[in-house]
Amino acid sequence: MGRIIAIANQKGGVGKTTTAVNLAAALAASPRKVLLIDLDPQGNATMASGVDKRDLENSTCEVLLRECDAAAAIVTTAEGYDLLPGNIDLTAAEIQLMDQTEREQRLKAALLPIRENYHYILIDCPPSLSLLTLNALAAADGVIVPMQCEYFALEGLSALVNTIDALKQRLNPALQIEGIVRTMYDVRNNLANAVSGELTTHFGDKVFRSIIPRNVRLAEAPSHGQSIVGYDKASRGGIAYMGLAGEIVRREKKHKETA
C-alpha cells in the first residue's frame, strides 16, 4: 500500500510546491509509481507538471465533493508520475464542505480505492491551516516540512509541530513528521548556517541530509511546465532533489526492515 506524504508548512514561500513537484518527478525516476495531488487553489503544482489548470474536466475539487472518483480525475504527466490536478475551484469546494459531515476525511476516503496502485502519494498543501490542509493531514502517514533557514521559520515550525500533535489526537493518530527539508539554502549566509545547526540540534535525524540550494535552474523549470528532473537533472537543484528522493526511499526500507 502506498505511503501518503503531505508537503506542508503554514508559512508561504518556503518551497512547498517546488518540493512536491520535483520530489514526485525524482521518485518517479527512481523508478517508483507516484501520484502527486494538487490541493492548493493556486494550482501551481498542476501548471509546473505541464497541465493547464484552466482546462480541467475533473479535478481535486470534484473528488472532494464526491462528484467523481479520484481515478477519473487523474492524468499522467510527461515525466511519468500521475497527477490529481487542482485549480481555483478548490476554494469553492472548501466553502461547500464546511457544512458537510466528516469533511476532514473526504480526501482519505477518496484515496482508499487507488492507494495500492502507488508507492508514494504526495500532497501539495496550501500555505495555511485550512480545511484543505486538514484533509491532507487526515489522509497522510507523514508530513515533509520544507523550510528556509531563517529566524522566523523556527517559530513557524514550532507552531506546525504543535498543530500536528493536536491533529494526531483528534483526526489521525498515525500522523508523524517524515522529515524537514532545508530549502533555498545559501551556504554563504551565516544566519542560514546557524538556523540549520539549531534544526539539527532539536530535530536530529528528522532533518534530511539533502539540502535544496538556491538555484536559477530550479526557478526556471516551472515556466517550462517541467520539474527540475526533466528540465536540468544535472543542475545543483536536480542533484539535490534526486538525493532527497533517494533518502526517502532508504528511510522507508530501513523502517520496513525494523518493523
C-alpha atoms as a PDB file:
ATOM      1  CA  MET A   1       0.000   0.000   0.000  1.00  0.00           C
ATOM      2  CA  GLY A   2       1.332   3.436  -0.964  1.00  0.00           C
ATOM      3  CA  ARG A   3       2.758   5.813   1.588  1.00  0.00           C
ATOM      4  CA  ILE A   4       0.879   9.128   1.689  1.00  0.00           C
ATOM      5  CA  ILE A   5       3.056  12.162   2.422  1.00  0.00           C
ATOM      6  CA  ALA A   6       1.762  15.709   2.844  1.00  0.00           C
ATOM      7  CA  ILE A   7       4.141  18.541   1.897  1.00  0.00           C
ATOM      8  CA  ALA A   8       3.083  21.216   4.372  1.00  0.00           C
ATOM      9  CA  ASN A   9       4.106  24.409   6.112  1.00  0.00           C
ATOM     10  CA  GLN A  10       1.817  27.155   7.361  1.00  0.00           C
ATOM     11  CA  LYS A  11       4.330  29.739   6.134  1.00  0.00           C
ATOM     12  CA  GLY A  12       4.168  30.623   2.455  1.00  0.00           C
ATOM     13  CA  GLY A  13       7.085  30.949   0.055  1.00  0.00           C
ATOM     14  CA  VAL A  14       9.188  28.175   1.559  1.00  0.00           C
ATOM     15  CA  GLY A  15       9.270  25.868  -1.461  1.00  0.00           C
ATOM     16  CA  LYS A  16       6.307  23.533  -0.809  1.00  0.00           C
ATOM     17  CA  THR A  17       5.175  23.289  -4.424  1.00  0.00           C
ATOM     18  CA  THR A  18       8.749  23.191  -5.720  1.00  0.00           C
ATOM     19  CA  THR A  19       9.457  20.301  -3.364  1.00  0.00           C
ATOM     20  CA  ALA A  20       6.207  18.464  -4.176  1.00  0.00           C
ATOM     21  CA  VAL A  21       6.682  18.595  -7.963  1.00  0.00           C
ATOM     22  CA  ASN A  22      10.411  17.876  -8.027  1.00  0.00           C
ATOM     23  CA  LEU A  23      10.184  15.118  -5.437  1.00  0.00           C
ATOM     24  CA  ALA A  24       7.367  13.466  -7.418  1.00  0.00           C
ATOM     25  CA  ALA A  25       9.499  13.551 -10.572  1.00  0.00           C
ATOM     26  CA  ALA A  26      12.620  12.339  -8.738  1.00  0.00           C
ATOM     27  CA  LEU A  27      10.772   9.425  -7.136  1.00  0.00           C
ATOM     28  CA  ALA A  28       9.198   8.532 -10.488  1.00  0.00           C
ATOM     29  CA  ALA A  29      12.701   8.431 -11.995  1.00  0.00           C
ATOM     30  CA  SER A  30      13.949   6.126  -9.223  1.00  0.00           C
ATOM     31  CA  PRO A  31      11.682   4.378 -10.532  1.00  0.00           C
ATOM     32  CA  ARG A  32       8.628   4.374  -8.284  1.00  0.00           C
ATOM     33  CA  LYS A  33       4.908   4.694  -9.060  1.00  0.00           C
ATOM     34  CA  VAL A  34       3.960   8.164  -7.820  1.00  0.00           C
ATOM     35  CA  LEU A  35       0.774  10.228  -7.544  1.00  0.00           C
ATOM     36  CA  LEU A  36       1.003  13.977  -6.917  1.00  0.00           C
ATOM     37  CA  ILE A  37      -2.129  15.681  -5.568  1.00  0.00           C
ATOM     38  CA  ASP A  38      -2.505  19.444  -6.041  1.00  0.00           C
ATOM     39  CA  LEU A  39      -4.582  20.600  -3.079  1.00  0.00           C
ATOM     40  CA  ASP A  40      -3.681  24.287  -3.411  1.00  0.00           C
ATOM     41  CA  PRO A  41      -6.269  26.541  -5.138  1.00  0.00           C
ATOM     42  CA  GLN A  42      -3.375  28.390  -6.831  1.00  0.00           C
ATOM     43  CA  GLY A  43      -2.842  25.253  -8.951  1.00  0.00           C
ATOM     44  CA  ASN A  44       0.902  25.857  -9.257  1.00  0.00           C
ATOM     45  CA  ALA A  45       1.809  22.165  -8.920  1.00  0.00           C
ATOM     46  CA  THR A  46      -0.590  21.427 -11.790  1.00  0.00           C
ATOM     47  CA  MET A  47       0.965  24.038 -14.071  1.00  0.00           C
ATOM     48  CA  ALA A  48       4.512  23.023 -13.107  1.00  0.00           C
ATOM     49  CA  SER A  49       3.591  19.459 -14.127  1.00  0.00           C
ATOM     50  CA  GLY A  50       2.760  20.618 -17.650  1.00  0.00           C
ATOM     51  CA  VAL A  51      -1.046  20.501 -17.181  1.00  0.00           C
ATOM     52  CA  ASP A  52      -3.201  23.588 -17.836  1.00  0.00           C
ATOM     53  CA  LYS A  53      -5.204  24.318 -14.671  1.00  0.00           C
ATOM     54  CA  ARG A  54      -7.715  26.363 -16.705  1.00  0.00           C
ATOM     55  CA  ASP A  55      -8.712  23.391 -18.842  1.00  0.00           C
ATOM     56  CA  LEU A  56      -9.589  20.581 -16.420  1.00  0.00           C
ATOM     57  CA  GLU A  57     -12.562  18.302 -16.961  1.00  0.00           C
ATOM     58  CA  ASN A  58     -12.250  16.912 -13.432  1.00  0.00           C
ATOM     59  CA  SER A  59     -10.009  17.989 -10.578  1.00  0.00           C
ATOM     60  CA  THR A  60      -9.387  17.614  -6.864  1.00  0.00           C
ATOM     61  CA  CYS A  61     -12.456  19.832  -6.342  1.00  0.00           C
ATOM     62  CA  GLU A  62     -14.852  17.277  -7.885  1.00  0.00           C
ATOM     63  CA  VAL A  63     -13.145  14.470  -5.973  1.00  0.00           C
ATOM     64  CA  LEU A  64     -13.591  16.206  -2.608  1.00  0.00           C
ATOM     65  CA  LEU A  65     -17.230  16.997  -3.423  1.00  0.00           C
ATOM     66  CA  ARG A  66     -17.759  13.348  -4.468  1.00  0.00           C
ATOM     67  CA  GLU A  67     -18.812  14.346  -7.962  1.00  0.00           C
ATOM     68  CA  CYS A  68     -16.260  11.914  -9.449  1.00  0.00           C
ATOM     69  CA  ASP A  69     -13.836   9.212  -8.331  1.00  0.00           C
ATOM     70  CA  ALA A  70     -10.169  10.041  -7.870  1.00  0.00           C
ATOM     71  CA  ALA A  71      -9.239   7.625 -10.672  1.00  0.00           C
ATOM     72  CA  ALA A  72     -11.412   9.571 -13.141  1.00  0.00           C
ATOM     73  CA  ALA A  73      -9.616  12.855 -12.392  1.00  0.00           C
ATOM     74  CA  ILE A  74      -6.024  11.574 -12.572  1.00  0.00           C
ATOM     75  CA  VAL A  75      -3.841  12.499 -15.538  1.00  0.00           C
ATOM     76  CA  THR A  76      -0.393  11.126 -16.393  1.00  0.00           C
ATOM     77  CA  THR A  77       2.369  13.697 -16.806  1.00  0.00           C
ATOM     78  CA  ALA A  78       5.161  13.669 -19.387  1.00  0.00           C
ATOM     79  CA  GLU A  79       7.651  12.867 -16.627  1.00  0.00           C
ATOM     80  CA  GLY A  80       5.988   9.619 -15.627  1.00  0.00           C
ATOM     81  CA  TYR A  81       4.156  10.473 -12.426  1.00  0.00           C
ATOM     82  CA  ASP A  82       0.380  10.715 -12.112  1.00  0.00           C
ATOM     83  CA  LEU A  83      -1.305  13.969 -11.147  1.00  0.00           C
ATOM     84  CA  LEU A  84      -4.600  14.730  -9.447  1.00  0.00           C
ATOM     85  CA  PRO A  85      -4.796  18.358 -10.646  1.00  0.00           C
ATOM     86  CA  GLY A  86      -6.184  21.354  -8.811  1.00  0.00           C
ATOM     87  CA  ASN A  87      -7.225  24.950  -9.509  1.00  0.00           C
ATOM     88  CA  ILE A  88      -9.192  27.861  -8.061  1.00  0.00           C
ATOM     89  CA  ASP A  89     -12.326  25.650  -7.868  1.00  0.00           C
ATOM     90  CA  LEU A  90     -10.828  24.230  -4.653  1.00  0.00           C
ATOM     91  CA  THR A  91     -11.768  27.472  -2.890  1.00  0.00           C
ATOM     92  CA  ALA A  92     -15.439  26.834  -3.706  1.00  0.00           C
ATOM     93  CA  ALA A  93     -15.085  23.201  -2.678  1.00  0.00           C
ATOM     94  CA  GLU A  94     -13.734  24.249   0.707  1.00  0.00           C
ATOM     95  CA  ILE A  95     -16.729  26.526   1.297  1.00  0.00           C
ATOM     96  CA  GLN A  96     -19.207  23.799   0.302  1.00  0.00           C
ATOM     97  CA  LEU A  97     -17.527  21.285   2.600  1.00  0.00           C
ATOM     98  CA  MET A  98     -17.893  23.498   5.674  1.00  0.00           C
ATOM     99  CA  ASP A  99     -21.371  22.150   6.470  1.00  0.00           C
ATOM    100  CA  GLN A 100     -20.696  18.533   5.488  1.00  0.00           C
ATOM    101  CA  THR A 101     -20.221  15.617   7.862  1.00  0.00           C
ATOM    102  CA  GLU A 102     -16.740  14.078   8.056  1.00  0.00           C
ATOM    103  CA  ARG A 103     -15.496  16.998   5.986  1.00  0.00           C
ATOM    104  CA  GLU A 104     -11.869  16.471   7.077  1.00  0.00           C
ATOM    105  CA  GLN A 105     -11.921  12.832   5.869  1.00  0.00           C
ATOM    106  CA  ARG A 106     -13.022  13.384   2.248  1.00  0.00           C
ATOM    107  CA  LEU A 107      -9.550  13.031   0.715  1.00  0.00           C
ATOM    108  CA  LYS A 108      -8.662   9.996   2.808  1.00  0.00           C
ATOM    109  CA  ALA A 109     -11.838   8.202   1.703  1.00  0.00           C
ATOM    110  CA  ALA A 110     -11.245   9.148  -1.957  1.00  0.00           C
ATOM    111  CA  LEU A 111      -7.713   7.716  -1.926  1.00  0.00           C
ATOM    112  CA  LEU A 112      -8.615   4.341  -0.417  1.00  0.00           C
ATOM    113  CA  PRO A 113      -9.577   2.653  -3.744  1.00  0.00           C
ATOM    114  CA  ILE A 114      -6.385   3.779  -5.532  1.00  0.00           C
ATOM    115  CA  ARG A 115      -3.801   3.820  -2.752  1.00  0.00           C
ATOM    116  CA  GLU A 116      -2.435   0.360  -3.519  1.00  0.00           C
ATOM    117  CA  ASN A 117      -1.619   1.458  -7.099  1.00  0.00           C
ATOM    118  CA  TYR A 118       1.241   3.679  -5.921  1.00  0.00           C
ATOM    119  CA  HIS A 119       4.472   3.529  -3.958  1.00  0.00           C
ATOM    120  CA  TYR A 120       4.099   7.172  -2.932  1.00  0.00           C
ATOM    121  CA  ILE A 121       1.256   9.686  -2.895  1.00  0.00           C
ATOM    122  CA  LEU A 122       2.449  13.273  -2.368  1.00  0.00           C
ATOM    123  CA  ILE A 123       0.060  16.084  -1.437  1.00  0.00           C
ATOM    124  CA  ASP A 124       0.913  19.732  -2.128  1.00  0.00           C
ATOM    125  CA  CYS A 125      -0.872  21.699   0.619  1.00  0.00           C
ATOM    126  CA  PRO A 126      -1.963  25.354   0.720  1.00  0.00           C
ATOM    127  CA  PRO A 127       0.123  27.730   2.906  1.00  0.00           C
ATOM    128  CA  SER A 128      -2.431  27.805   5.720  1.00  0.00           C
ATOM    129  CA  LEU A 129      -4.167  25.510   8.173  1.00  0.00           C
ATOM    130  CA  SER A 130      -7.346  25.405   6.091  1.00  0.00           C
ATOM    131  CA  LEU A 131      -9.913  22.635   5.658  1.00  0.00           C
ATOM    132  CA  LEU A 132      -7.946  21.555   2.577  1.00  0.00           C
ATOM    133  CA  THR A 133      -4.771  21.163   4.634  1.00  0.00           C
ATOM    134  CA  LEU A 134      -6.714  19.289   7.322  1.00  0.00           C
ATOM    135  CA  ASN A 135      -7.898  16.854   4.626  1.00  0.00           C
ATOM    136  CA  ALA A 136      -4.285  16.284   3.593  1.00  0.00           C
ATOM    137  CA  LEU A 137      -3.088  15.737   7.166  1.00  0.00           C
ATOM    138  CA  ALA A 138      -6.008  13.421   7.958  1.00  0.00           C
ATOM    139  CA  ALA A 139      -5.109  11.252   4.957  1.00  0.00           C
ATOM    140  CA  ALA A 140      -1.319  11.311   5.363  1.00  0.00           C
ATOM    141  CA  ASP A 141       1.046   8.867   7.020  1.00  0.00           C
ATOM    142  CA  GLY A 142       3.723  11.513   7.310  1.00  0.00           C
ATOM    143  CA  VAL A 143       4.500  15.197   6.738  1.00  0.00           C
ATOM    144  CA  ILE A 144       7.512  16.630   4.962  1.00  0.00           C
ATOM    145  CA  VAL A 145       8.148  20.213   6.060  1.00  0.00           C
ATOM    146  CA  PRO A 146      10.084  22.420   3.628  1.00  0.00           C
ATOM    147  CA  MET A 147      11.584  25.439   5.368  1.00  0.00           C
ATOM    148  CA  GLN A 148      14.028  28.228   4.748  1.00  0.00           C
ATOM    149  CA  CYS A 149      16.760  28.596   7.327  1.00  0.00           C
ATOM    150  CA  GLU A 150      15.624  31.981   8.631  1.00  0.00           C
ATOM    151  CA  TYR A 151      14.929  33.165  12.171  1.00  0.00           C
ATOM    152  CA  PHE A 152      11.127  33.378  11.934  1.00  0.00           C
ATOM    153  CA  ALA A 153      10.970  29.978  10.230  1.00  0.00           C
ATOM    154  CA  LEU A 154      11.845  28.325  13.536  1.00  0.00           C
ATOM    155  CA  GLU A 155       8.772  29.868  15.193  1.00  0.00           C
ATOM    156  CA  GLY A 156       6.578  28.722  12.294  1.00  0.00           C
ATOM    157  CA  LEU A 157       7.991  25.219  12.595  1.00  0.00           C
ATOM    158  CA  SER A 158       7.180  25.105  16.305  1.00  0.00           C
ATOM    159  CA  ALA A 159       3.577  26.098  15.527  1.00  0.00           C
ATOM    160  CA  LEU A 160       3.325  23.382  12.877  1.00  0.00           C
ATOM    161  CA  VAL A 161       4.688  20.727  15.236  1.00  0.00           C
ATOM    162  CA  ASN A 162       2.057  21.735  17.828  1.00  0.00           C
ATOM    163  CA  THR A 163      -0.650  21.572  15.138  1.00  0.00           C
ATOM    164  CA  ILE A 164       0.431  18.077  14.084  1.00  0.00           C
ATOM    165  CA  ASP A 165       0.417  16.907  17.716  1.00  0.00           C
ATOM    166  CA  ALA A 166      -3.134  18.231  18.127  1.00  0.00           C
ATOM    167  CA  LEU A 167      -4.265  16.558  14.897  1.00  0.00           C
ATOM    168  CA  LYS A 168      -2.806  13.236  15.993  1.00  0.00           C
ATOM    169  CA  GLN A 169      -5.171  13.258  18.967  1.00  0.00           C
ATOM    170  CA  ARG A 170      -8.271  14.332  17.035  1.00  0.00           C
ATOM    171  CA  LEU A 171      -8.015  13.155  13.421  1.00  0.00           C
ATOM    172  CA  ASN A 172      -5.057  10.932  12.620  1.00  0.00           C
ATOM    173  CA  PRO A 173      -3.198   9.069  15.405  1.00  0.00           C
ATOM    174  CA  ALA A 174      -0.686   7.636  12.901  1.00  0.00           C
ATOM    175  CA  LEU A 175       0.467  11.036  11.608  1.00  0.00           C
ATOM    176  CA  GLN A 176       4.148  11.848  12.092  1.00  0.00           C
ATOM    177  CA  ILE A 177       6.774  14.246  10.796  1.00  0.00           C
ATOM    178  CA  GLU A 178       8.519  12.432   7.977  1.00  0.00           C
ATOM    179  CA  GLY A 179      11.292  14.980   7.853  1.00  0.00           C
ATOM    180  CA  ILE A 180      12.344  18.608   7.483  1.00  0.00           C
ATOM    181  CA  VAL A 181      13.851  19.795   4.194  1.00  0.00           C
ATOM    182  CA  ARG A 182      16.085  22.862   4.166  1.00  0.00           C
ATOM    183  CA  THR A 183      15.189  24.834   1.028  1.00  0.00           C
ATOM    184  CA  MET A 184      16.571  27.883  -0.819  1.00  0.00           C
ATOM    185  CA  TYR A 185      19.782  27.366   1.100  1.00  0.00           C
ATOM    186  CA  ASP A 186      22.785  29.660   0.692  1.00  0.00           C
ATOM    187  CA  VAL A 187      25.927  28.326   2.376  1.00  0.00           C
ATOM    188  CA  ARG A 188      27.421  31.851   2.357  1.00  0.00           C
ATOM    189  CA  ASN A 189      24.673  33.073   4.698  1.00  0.00           C
ATOM    190  CA  ASN A 190      25.811  32.874   8.331  1.00  0.00           C
ATOM    191  CA  LEU A 191      22.239  33.064   9.661  1.00  0.00           C
ATOM    192  CA  ALA A 192      21.186  30.145   7.442  1.00  0.00           C
ATOM    193  CA  ASN A 193      24.078  28.078   8.773  1.00  0.00           C
ATOM    194  CA  ALA A 194      23.182  28.976  12.375  1.00  0.00           C
ATOM    195  CA  VAL A 195      19.486  28.098  11.912  1.00  0.00           C
ATOM    196  CA  SER A 196      20.467  24.868  10.155  1.00  0.00           C
ATOM    197  CA  GLY A 197      22.552  23.949  13.180  1.00  0.00           C
ATOM    198  CA  GLU A 198      19.617  24.693  15.513  1.00  0.00           C
ATOM    199  CA  LEU A 199      17.357  22.470  13.410  1.00  0.00           C
ATOM    200  CA  THR A 200      19.781  19.566  13.573  1.00  0.00           C
ATOM    201  CA  THR A 201      20.229  20.001  17.325  1.00  0.00           C
ATOM    202  CA  HIS A 202      16.484  19.995  18.058  1.00  0.00           C
ATOM    203  CA  PHE A 203      15.191  17.522  15.453  1.00  0.00           C
ATOM    204  CA  GLY A 204      18.172  15.238  14.879  1.00  0.00           C
ATOM    205  CA  ASP A 205      17.633  12.651  12.146  1.00  0.00           C
ATOM    206  CA  LYS A 206      14.247  14.182  11.286  1.00  0.00           C
ATOM    207  CA  VAL A 207      16.241  16.743   9.296  1.00  0.00           C
ATOM    208  CA  PHE A 208      17.025  15.382   5.836  1.00  0.00           C
ATOM    209  CA  ARG A 209      20.699  15.431   4.923  1.00  0.00           C
ATOM    210  CA  SER A 210      19.815  16.583   1.410  1.00  0.00           C
ATOM    211  CA  ILE A 211      19.770  20.382   1.227  1.00  0.00           C
ATOM    212  CA  ILE A 212      17.996  22.246  -1.585  1.00  0.00           C
ATOM    213  CA  PRO A 213      20.147  25.185  -2.730  1.00  0.00           C
ATOM    214  CA  ARG A 214      19.141  28.484  -4.248  1.00  0.00           C
ATOM    215  CA  ASN A 215      19.351  27.619  -7.907  1.00  0.00           C
ATOM    216  CA  VAL A 216      18.379  29.540 -11.059  1.00  0.00           C
ATOM    217  CA  ARG A 217      17.518  26.340 -12.945  1.00  0.00           C
ATOM    218  CA  LEU A 218      15.051  25.359 -10.193  1.00  0.00           C
ATOM    219  CA  ALA A 219      13.309  28.710 -10.608  1.00  0.00           C
ATOM    220  CA  GLU A 220      13.193  28.395 -14.406  1.00  0.00           C
ATOM    221  CA  ALA A 221      11.772  24.864 -14.641  1.00  0.00           C
ATOM    222  CA  PRO A 222       8.094  25.630 -13.742  1.00  0.00           C
ATOM    223  CA  SER A 223       7.806  28.207 -16.538  1.00  0.00           C
ATOM    224  CA  HIS A 224       8.520  25.356 -18.965  1.00  0.00           C
ATOM    225  CA  GLY A 225       5.904  23.087 -17.342  1.00  0.00           C
ATOM    226  CA  GLN A 226       8.658  20.776 -16.125  1.00  0.00           C
ATOM    227  CA  SER A 227      10.274  19.584 -12.932  1.00  0.00           C
ATOM    228  CA  ILE A 228      13.987  20.145 -12.447  1.00  0.00           C
ATOM    229  CA  VAL A 229      14.469  16.432 -13.214  1.00  0.00           C
ATOM    230  CA  GLY A 230      13.029  16.914 -16.700  1.00  0.00           C
ATOM    231  CA  TYR A 231      14.461  20.400 -17.236  1.00  0.00           C
ATOM    232  CA  ASP A 232      18.042  20.022 -15.988  1.00  0.00           C
ATOM    233  CA  LYS A 233      18.684  16.896 -13.931  1.00  0.00           C
ATOM    234  CA  ALA A 234      22.421  17.633 -13.747  1.00  0.00           C
ATOM    235  CA  SER A 235      21.927  21.064 -12.131  1.00  0.00           C
ATOM    236  CA  ARG A 236      22.584  21.603  -8.428  1.00  0.00           C
ATOM    237  CA  GLY A 237      18.825  21.649  -7.817  1.00  0.00           C
ATOM    238  CA  GLY A 238      18.296  18.458  -9.822  1.00  0.00           C
ATOM    239  CA  ILE A 239      21.044  16.619  -7.959  1.00  0.00           C
ATOM    240  CA  ALA A 240      19.623  17.817  -4.622  1.00  0.00           C
ATOM    241  CA  TYR A 241      16.090  16.548  -5.332  1.00  0.00           C
ATOM    242  CA  MET A 242      17.347  13.212  -6.666  1.00  0.00           C
ATOM    243  CA  GLY A 243      19.329  12.923  -3.444  1.00  0.00           C
ATOM    244  CA  LEU A 244      16.247  13.716  -1.365  1.00  0.00           C
ATOM    245  CA  ALA A 245      14.218  11.059  -3.211  1.00  0.00           C
ATOM    246  CA  GLY A 246      16.952   8.507  -2.552  1.00  0.00           C
ATOM    247  CA  GLU A 247      16.998   9.444   1.115  1.00  0.00           C
ATOM    248  CA  ILE A 248      13.227   8.958   1.428  1.00  0.00           C
ATOM    249  CA  VAL A 249      13.399   5.535  -0.256  1.00  0.00           C
ATOM    250  CA  ARG A 250      16.274   4.439   2.013  1.00  0.00           C
ATOM    251  CA  ARG A 251      14.425   5.616   5.117  1.00  0.00           C
ATOM    252  CA  GLU A 252      11.356   3.627   4.164  1.00  0.00           C
ATOM    253  CA  LYS A 253      13.398   0.476   3.518  1.00  0.00           C
ATOM    254  CA  LYS A 254      15.065   0.859   6.910  1.00  0.00           C
ATOM    255  CA  HIS A 255      11.677   1.397   8.570  1.00  0.00           C
ATOM    256  CA  LYS A 256      10.251  -1.751   6.959  1.00  0.00           C
ATOM    257  CA  GLU A 257      13.283  -3.799   7.995  1.00  0.00           C
ATOM    258  CA  THR A 258      12.975  -2.560  11.579  1.00  0.00           C
ATOM    259  CA  ALA A 259       9.236  -3.295  11.616  1.00  0.00           C
END
